[in-house]
Amino acid sequence: MKIDGRSSRTIWADPADRAVHVIDQTALPHAFTVKRLAGLKDAADAIQAMTVRGAPLIGVTAAYGLALALAADSSDDGMERAIQRLTATRPTAVNLRWALAEMRAGLMPLPPAARTEAAWARARALADADAAANETLGNHGLTLLAALWETRRAEGAACLNILTHCNAGWLATVDWGTALAPVYKAFEDGIPLHVWVDETRPRNQGASLTARELSWQGIAHTVIADNAGGHLMQQGLVDLCLVGADRVTARGDVCNKIGTYLKALAAWDNGVPFYAALPSSTIDWDIEDGRAIPIEERSPSEVSHIAGAGPDGQVIAVRLTPEGSPCANPGFDVTPARLITALITEQGIHPASTEGLAPLRSRRNPS
């Protein structure tokens, strides 16, 4: 995608000095900063501290992190230690585990001396595949938005109103994004759009990241408090909800940023279509019931404190809660498949059910 007219990805390798560069998402929206990852620790810290975030992007970052680790120790034990370290950084998003499994499968049969170069090539291939998959996903989602816009235009609407939660744009992936990929494709296609952007407490990824990238692309949007979505749906001001996913079960339950479930309930009650967009690598075929997904419990300080730019432009953190009040901070919730209208993937649009996902499963494992 583009930043002030310049094409960019969220992550890129520098073969000259064997380093990886990422956009520091903790600095957005107030500053644009690039961080250099030079080793395993840098990559693991970037994932854990959410310098990079979003299920597809942390998977690719982990793949590059393994390539960085193998430059120091390409033995079997060295590779397994690096994989364990990276796997432990974020427990909920399945793409991280999937990417590392893909890397292990391709590298373990090789002699240690050949693994480092192969790891760089394999990580680059995963990055390119993620960008391509999300663009294709966006094309599939475009068909939904175009059909809905034709209906709304015939009814006299001035634009298509889309509500999204958290950040599932290109900042959450290598490029294009998941939930926002159809939005970008529709915008390119000339469909008039307006996006309601949930702030997404407690880390405010909607207000800081989704709003930032929509601004870069020139797409009309309005940031709203998380609790405003249901009201907007009751007033007929939301045509569809479009969110991403950190893990989807084999029967179609969707695990996404905390607060997604409440939006799905409001959408169900108001007859608003609710879609989740994701690459097929986000589906965890080993879990049927979403209640079995491990939910990351993040630092209470994300709830008790909030960061923002002060009058002098410097970013500061201020406490919101009384000193000593305990805070809980589950990072994700699970929306049952029955509340999901459909899943948008790079392989098409599928009902959120065991039967609906069966074609994806058979393509993954033809046997």
Protein backbone atom coordinates (compact mmCIF):
# COMPACT_ATOMS: atom_id res chain seq x y z
CA MET A 1 0.00 0.00 0.00
CA LYS A 2 1.02 3.65 0.02
CA ILE A 3 2.22 6.07 2.68
CA ASP A 4 1.86 9.66 1.48
CA GLY A 5 2.00 8.39 -2.09
CA ARG A 6 4.99 6.04 -1.60
CA SER A 7 4.54 2.28 -1.90
CA SER A 8 5.59 0.32 1.19
CA ARG A 9 5.26 -3.01 2.93
CA THR A 10 5.20 -3.49 6.68
CA ILE A 11 8.31 -5.70 6.66
CA TRP A 12 11.25 -6.11 4.31
CA ALA A 13 14.62 -7.85 4.34
CA ASP A 14 17.98 -6.23 3.69
CA PRO A 15 20.19 -8.94 2.17
CA ALA A 16 23.23 -6.64 2.29
CA ASP A 17 23.54 -6.66 6.08
CA ARG A 18 21.37 -9.67 6.92
CA ALA A 19 18.77 -7.61 8.77
CA VAL A 20 15.01 -7.16 8.66
CA HIS A 21 13.22 -3.82 8.80
CA VAL A 22 9.69 -3.28 10.16
CA ILE A 23 7.38 -0.34 10.67
CA ASP A 24 7.20 0.29 14.43
CA GLN A 25 3.46 0.22 15.00
CA THR A 26 3.76 1.30 18.63
CA ALA A 27 4.88 4.72 17.39
CA LEU A 28 1.85 5.25 15.14
CA PRO A 29 -0.11 7.42 14.52
CA HIS A 30 2.11 10.15 15.94
CA ALA A 31 5.39 9.14 14.29
CA PHE A 32 6.57 6.94 11.44
CA THR A 33 9.55 4.91 12.61
CA VAL A 34 11.35 1.92 11.11
CA LYS A 35 13.09 -0.60 13.37
CA ARG A 36 15.98 -2.83 12.38
CA LEU A 37 15.86 -6.45 13.56
CA ALA A 38 19.33 -7.98 13.62
CA GLY A 39 18.82 -11.24 15.50
CA LEU A 40 16.44 -13.70 17.15
CA LYS A 41 15.97 -11.54 20.25
CA ASP A 42 15.06 -8.49 18.17
CA ALA A 43 12.45 -10.44 16.23
CA ALA A 44 10.94 -12.08 19.32
CA ASP A 45 10.83 -8.77 21.19
CA ALA A 46 9.20 -7.04 18.20
CA ILE A 47 6.40 -9.61 18.18
CA GLN A 48 5.92 -9.67 21.95
CA ALA A 49 5.96 -5.89 22.37
CA MET A 50 3.63 -5.48 19.38
CA THR A 51 6.11 -3.46 17.37
CA VAL A 52 4.58 -5.73 14.73
CA ARG A 53 1.11 -7.16 15.22
CA GLY A 54 -1.69 -8.76 13.25
CA ALA A 55 -1.80 -12.52 12.73
CA PRO A 56 -0.36 -12.68 9.20
CA LEU A 57 2.41 -10.18 9.91
CA ILE A 58 3.65 -11.83 13.09
CA GLY A 59 3.82 -15.13 11.20
CA VAL A 60 6.09 -13.59 8.55
CA THR A 61 8.13 -11.78 11.21
CA ALA A 62 8.67 -15.09 12.99
CA ALA A 63 9.83 -16.67 9.73
CA TYR A 64 12.39 -13.90 9.27
CA GLY A 65 13.30 -14.23 12.94
CA LEU A 66 14.17 -17.87 12.36
CA ALA A 67 16.35 -16.88 9.40
CA LEU A 68 18.16 -14.40 11.66
CA ALA A 69 18.60 -17.07 14.35
CA LEU A 70 20.05 -19.63 11.94
CA ALA A 71 22.80 -17.20 10.98
CA ALA A 72 24.09 -17.65 14.55
CA ASP A 73 23.27 -21.36 15.03
CA SER A 74 21.91 -23.53 12.23
CA SER A 75 22.15 -26.85 14.09
CA ASP A 76 19.06 -28.96 14.79
CA ASP A 77 19.09 -27.89 18.45
CA GLY A 78 19.67 -24.25 17.53
CA MET A 79 16.74 -24.25 15.14
CA GLU A 80 14.41 -25.91 17.66
CA ARG A 81 15.39 -23.44 20.40
CA ALA A 82 14.69 -20.52 18.07
CA ILE A 83 11.31 -21.96 17.05
CA GLN A 84 10.32 -22.46 20.69
CA ARG A 85 11.37 -18.90 21.55
CA LEU A 86 9.36 -17.41 18.70
CA THR A 87 6.33 -19.64 19.30
CA ALA A 88 6.10 -18.44 22.90
CA THR A 89 5.80 -14.74 21.97
CA ARG A 90 2.05 -14.70 21.18
CA PRO A 91 -0.18 -17.70 22.00
CA THR A 92 -3.48 -16.84 20.28
CA ALA A 93 -2.78 -16.05 16.61
CA VAL A 94 -2.29 -19.33 14.73
CA ASN A 95 -0.38 -17.84 11.77
CA LEU A 96 2.78 -17.60 13.86
CA ARG A 97 2.76 -21.32 14.61
CA TRP A 98 1.80 -22.10 11.01
CA ALA A 99 4.65 -20.04 9.55
CA LEU A 100 7.21 -21.65 11.82
CA ALA A 101 5.91 -25.11 10.92
CA GLU A 102 6.29 -24.22 7.23
CA MET A 103 9.84 -23.07 7.87
CA ARG A 104 10.75 -26.19 9.86
CA ALA A 105 9.34 -28.51 7.21
CA GLY A 106 11.49 -26.96 4.50
CA LEU A 107 14.68 -26.51 6.54
CA MET A 108 15.03 -29.58 8.74
CA PRO A 109 15.88 -31.96 5.85
CA LEU A 110 18.74 -29.67 4.76
CA PRO A 111 22.30 -29.87 6.09
CA PRO A 112 22.93 -27.13 8.68
CA ALA A 113 25.32 -25.28 6.37
CA ALA A 114 22.57 -24.81 3.78
CA ARG A 115 19.82 -23.72 6.15
CA THR A 116 20.52 -20.01 6.54
CA GLU A 117 20.28 -19.11 2.85
CA ALA A 118 17.27 -21.37 2.45
CA ALA A 119 15.59 -19.74 5.46
CA TRP A 120 15.95 -16.26 3.97
CA ALA A 121 14.49 -17.44 0.67
CA ARG A 122 11.65 -19.26 2.40
CA ALA A 123 10.78 -16.27 4.61
CA ARG A 124 10.72 -13.98 1.55
CA ALA A 125 8.43 -16.47 -0.20
CA LEU A 126 6.04 -16.47 2.76
CA ALA A 127 6.00 -12.66 2.73
CA ASP A 128 5.23 -12.55 -0.99
CA ALA A 129 2.58 -15.25 -0.61
CA ASP A 130 0.87 -13.29 2.18
CA ALA A 131 0.71 -10.14 0.06
CA ALA A 132 -0.66 -12.08 -2.93
CA ALA A 133 -3.22 -13.96 -0.83
CA ASN A 134 -4.55 -10.79 0.75
CA GLU A 135 -4.89 -9.04 -2.60
CA THR A 136 -6.85 -12.02 -3.92
CA LEU A 137 -8.95 -12.01 -0.74
CA GLY A 138 -9.66 -8.35 -1.43
CA ASN A 139 -10.90 -9.16 -4.93
CA HIS A 140 -13.32 -11.74 -3.54
CA GLY A 141 -14.55 -9.26 -0.92
CA LEU A 142 -15.00 -6.64 -3.63
CA THR A 143 -17.75 -8.75 -5.20
CA LEU A 144 -19.70 -8.59 -1.93
CA LEU A 145 -19.25 -4.85 -1.51
CA ALA A 146 -20.12 -4.13 -5.15
CA ALA A 147 -23.36 -6.14 -4.93
CA LEU A 148 -24.34 -4.50 -1.65
CA TRP A 149 -23.57 -1.05 -3.06
CA GLU A 150 -25.86 -1.67 -6.05
CA THR A 151 -28.68 -2.44 -3.62
CA ARG A 152 -27.98 0.54 -1.38
CA ARG A 153 -27.59 2.91 -4.33
CA ALA A 154 -30.97 1.83 -5.68
CA GLU A 155 -32.38 2.70 -2.27
CA GLY A 156 -30.92 6.20 -2.49
CA ALA A 157 -27.85 5.80 -0.27
CA ALA A 158 -24.95 8.22 -0.80
CA CYS A 159 -22.27 5.71 0.17
CA LEU A 160 -21.60 2.28 1.65
CA ASN A 161 -21.11 2.40 5.43
CA ILE A 162 -18.76 -0.25 6.80
CA LEU A 163 -17.95 -0.85 10.46
CA THR A 164 -14.64 -2.49 11.38
CA HIS A 165 -12.97 -3.42 14.66
CA CYS A 166 -9.28 -3.30 15.59
CA ASN A 167 -6.78 -3.10 12.73
CA ALA A 168 -7.01 -5.69 9.97
CA GLY A 169 -5.57 -3.47 7.28
CA TRP A 170 -2.21 -3.67 5.57
CA LEU A 171 -0.43 -2.82 8.83
CA ALA A 172 -1.61 -6.20 10.17
CA THR A 173 -0.20 -8.08 7.18
CA VAL A 174 2.69 -7.77 4.73
CA ASP A 175 0.48 -5.80 2.33
CA TRP A 176 -3.20 -5.11 1.49
CA GLY A 177 -4.64 -6.38 4.77
CA THR A 178 -7.52 -8.75 5.44
CA ALA A 179 -10.70 -6.91 6.46
CA LEU A 180 -9.58 -3.73 4.72
CA ALA A 181 -8.38 -5.40 1.50
CA PRO A 182 -11.96 -5.44 0.09
CA VAL A 183 -12.34 -1.81 1.19
CA TYR A 184 -9.20 -0.79 -0.69
CA LYS A 185 -10.32 -2.72 -3.77
CA ALA A 186 -13.77 -1.11 -3.62
CA PHE A 187 -12.22 2.33 -3.24
CA GLU A 188 -10.05 1.71 -6.31
CA ASP A 189 -13.19 0.56 -8.13
CA GLY A 190 -14.91 3.88 -7.47
CA ILE A 191 -17.47 2.69 -4.91
CA PRO A 192 -18.24 5.55 -2.48
CA LEU A 193 -17.27 4.36 0.99
CA HIS A 194 -17.31 5.48 4.58
CA VAL A 195 -15.73 3.40 7.36
CA TRP A 196 -16.79 3.52 11.01
CA VAL A 197 -13.55 2.81 12.90
CA ASP A 198 -13.92 1.32 16.39
CA GLU A 199 -11.26 2.79 18.68
CA THR A 200 -10.59 -0.76 19.98
CA ARG A 201 -9.65 -0.36 23.61
CA PRO A 202 -7.41 -0.98 25.35
CA ARG A 203 -4.57 -0.60 22.80
CA ASN A 204 -6.65 1.57 20.44
CA GLN A 205 -5.47 -0.12 17.24
CA GLY A 206 -8.53 1.18 15.42
CA ALA A 207 -8.01 4.80 16.41
CA SER A 208 -4.25 4.73 15.96
CA LEU A 209 -3.66 2.27 13.09
CA THR A 210 -6.83 1.78 11.04
CA ALA A 211 -7.58 5.50 11.01
CA ARG A 212 -3.94 6.22 10.12
CA GLU A 213 -3.86 3.92 7.11
CA LEU A 214 -7.29 5.01 5.86
CA SER A 215 -6.00 8.58 6.03
CA TRP A 216 -2.93 7.60 4.01
CA GLN A 217 -5.19 6.05 1.34
CA GLY A 218 -7.67 8.96 1.33
CA ILE A 219 -10.71 6.92 2.39
CA ALA A 220 -13.52 8.64 4.31
CA HIS A 221 -13.79 7.38 7.89
CA THR A 222 -14.94 8.32 11.38
CA VAL A 223 -13.40 7.06 14.62
CA ILE A 224 -16.01 6.01 17.19
CA ALA A 225 -15.99 4.76 20.75
CA ASP A 226 -16.24 0.99 20.96
CA ASN A 227 -19.69 1.19 22.57
CA ALA A 228 -21.17 3.28 19.74
CA GLY A 229 -21.41 0.48 17.15
CA GLY A 230 -24.71 -0.98 18.35
CA HIS A 231 -26.36 2.44 18.36
CA LEU A 232 -25.20 3.10 14.79
CA MET A 233 -26.63 -0.23 13.67
CA GLN A 234 -29.98 0.54 15.32
CA GLN A 235 -30.05 3.84 13.42
CA GLY A 236 -29.48 2.09 10.08
CA LEU A 237 -26.06 3.70 9.66
CA VAL A 238 -24.08 0.47 9.15
CA ASP A 239 -24.47 -1.58 5.96
CA LEU A 240 -22.07 -4.36 6.99
CA CYS A 241 -19.43 -5.24 9.56
CA LEU A 242 -16.06 -6.43 8.32
CA VAL A 243 -13.39 -7.72 10.72
CA GLY A 244 -10.23 -9.79 10.59
CA ALA A 245 -9.32 -12.89 12.58
CA ASP A 246 -6.42 -14.20 14.63
CA ARG A 247 -7.64 -17.79 14.58
CA VAL A 248 -10.66 -19.55 13.06
CA THR A 249 -11.73 -23.02 14.13
CA ALA A 250 -12.55 -25.89 11.80
CA ARG A 251 -16.27 -25.20 12.33
CA GLY A 252 -16.01 -21.44 11.72
CA ASP A 253 -15.77 -19.85 15.16
CA VAL A 254 -13.77 -16.62 14.85
CA CYS A 255 -11.24 -15.49 17.44
CA ASN A 256 -10.43 -11.81 17.01
CA LYS A 257 -9.58 -8.72 19.06
CA ILE A 258 -11.58 -8.34 22.27
CA GLY A 259 -14.90 -6.62 21.55
CA THR A 260 -15.56 -8.39 18.24
CA TYR A 261 -18.14 -10.70 19.84
CA LEU A 262 -20.21 -7.76 21.09
CA LYS A 263 -20.25 -6.21 17.60
CA ALA A 264 -21.40 -9.53 16.13
CA LEU A 265 -24.25 -9.74 18.64
CA ALA A 266 -25.37 -6.21 17.79
CA ALA A 267 -25.15 -6.99 14.07
CA TRP A 268 -27.21 -10.16 14.51
CA ASP A 269 -29.89 -8.29 16.43
CA ASN A 270 -30.12 -5.57 13.75
CA GLY A 271 -29.87 -7.76 10.65
CA VAL A 272 -26.50 -6.32 9.63
CA PRO A 273 -24.24 -8.73 7.68
CA PHE A 274 -21.12 -9.66 9.66
CA TYR A 275 -18.08 -10.92 7.71
CA ALA A 276 -14.62 -12.02 8.81
CA ALA A 277 -11.78 -11.81 6.30
CA LEU A 278 -8.67 -13.97 6.64
CA PRO A 279 -6.10 -15.96 4.70
CA SER A 280 -6.72 -19.71 4.93
CA SER A 281 -3.54 -20.06 7.01
CA THR A 282 -5.54 -18.52 9.88
CA ILE A 283 -7.79 -21.60 10.11
CA ASP A 284 -6.76 -23.99 12.88
CA TRP A 285 -7.93 -27.38 11.65
CA ASP A 286 -7.00 -28.99 14.98
CA ILE A 287 -9.65 -27.07 16.97
CA GLU A 288 -13.42 -27.37 16.48
CA ASP A 289 -14.74 -25.38 19.43
CA GLY A 290 -13.63 -21.76 19.77
CA ARG A 291 -13.67 -22.10 23.55
CA ALA A 292 -10.52 -24.23 23.24
CA ILE A 293 -8.49 -21.36 21.76
CA PRO A 294 -5.93 -20.01 24.26
CA ILE A 295 -6.72 -16.36 24.97
CA GLU A 296 -3.72 -14.14 25.58
CA GLU A 297 -3.87 -12.18 28.84
CA ARG A 298 -1.91 -8.99 28.31
CA SER A 299 -0.46 -6.49 30.78
CA PRO A 300 -2.96 -4.73 33.08
CA SER A 301 -1.12 -1.49 32.31
CA GLU A 302 -2.74 -1.44 28.84
CA VAL A 303 -6.09 -0.98 30.62
CA SER A 304 -4.96 1.28 33.45
CA HIS A 305 -2.91 3.62 31.24
CA ILE A 306 -3.35 5.22 27.82
CA ALA A 307 -0.73 6.73 25.52
CA GLY A 308 -1.18 9.87 23.47
CA ALA A 309 0.51 13.02 22.23
CA GLY A 310 0.79 15.81 24.77
CA PRO A 311 0.52 19.55 24.00
CA ASP A 312 4.19 19.59 22.98
CA GLY A 313 3.72 16.66 20.61
CA GLN A 314 5.62 14.21 22.82
CA VAL A 315 3.95 10.84 23.38
CA ILE A 316 3.16 10.26 27.05
CA ALA A 317 1.26 7.62 29.05
CA VAL A 318 -1.31 8.68 31.63
CA ARG A 319 -3.15 6.59 34.20
CA LEU A 320 -6.93 6.26 33.78
CA THR A 321 -7.79 4.19 36.85
CA PRO A 322 -7.45 4.79 40.59
CA GLU A 323 -4.02 3.77 41.83
CA GLY A 324 -4.26 0.24 43.17
CA SER A 325 -7.39 -0.80 41.26
CA PRO A 326 -6.74 -4.21 39.65
CA CYS A 327 -7.26 -4.56 35.89
CA ALA A 328 -7.86 -7.59 33.67
CA ASN A 329 -6.83 -7.55 30.02
CA PRO A 330 -7.91 -10.50 27.83
CA GLY A 331 -6.63 -9.72 24.35
CA PHE A 332 -9.21 -11.63 22.29
CA ASP A 333 -12.71 -13.06 22.30
CA VAL A 334 -14.48 -15.72 20.23
CA THR A 335 -17.49 -15.06 18.00
CA PRO A 336 -19.50 -18.26 17.42
CA ALA A 337 -19.92 -19.34 13.81
CA ARG A 338 -23.70 -18.86 14.01
CA LEU A 339 -23.16 -15.08 14.17
CA ILE A 340 -20.85 -14.96 11.13
CA THR A 341 -22.50 -14.30 7.75
CA ALA A 342 -19.50 -15.73 5.86
CA LEU A 343 -15.72 -15.96 5.81
CA ILE A 344 -13.83 -14.15 3.05
CA THR A 345 -10.57 -15.91 2.12
CA GLU A 346 -8.11 -15.93 -0.76
CA GLN A 347 -9.86 -19.09 -1.92
CA GLY A 348 -13.30 -17.56 -2.07
CA ILE A 349 -16.22 -16.81 0.23
CA HIS A 350 -17.29 -19.65 2.51
CA PRO A 351 -20.08 -20.20 5.06
CA ALA A 352 -18.78 -20.27 8.64
CA SER A 353 -19.48 -23.95 9.25
CA THR A 354 -17.78 -27.33 9.08
CA GLU A 355 -19.48 -27.99 5.76
CA GLY A 356 -18.74 -24.52 4.42
CA LEU A 357 -15.03 -24.85 5.18
CA ALA A 358 -14.75 -28.40 3.85
CA PRO A 359 -13.44 -27.29 0.42
CA LEU A 360 -10.60 -25.41 2.10
CA ARG A 361 -9.77 -28.43 4.20
CA SER A 362 -9.70 -30.77 1.23
CA ARG A 363 -7.40 -28.43 -0.71
CA ARG A 364 -5.05 -28.35 2.27
CA ASN A 365 -5.04 -32.12 2.60
CA PRO A 366 -6.21 -33.87 -0.59
CA SER A 367 -5.90 -37.27 1.04
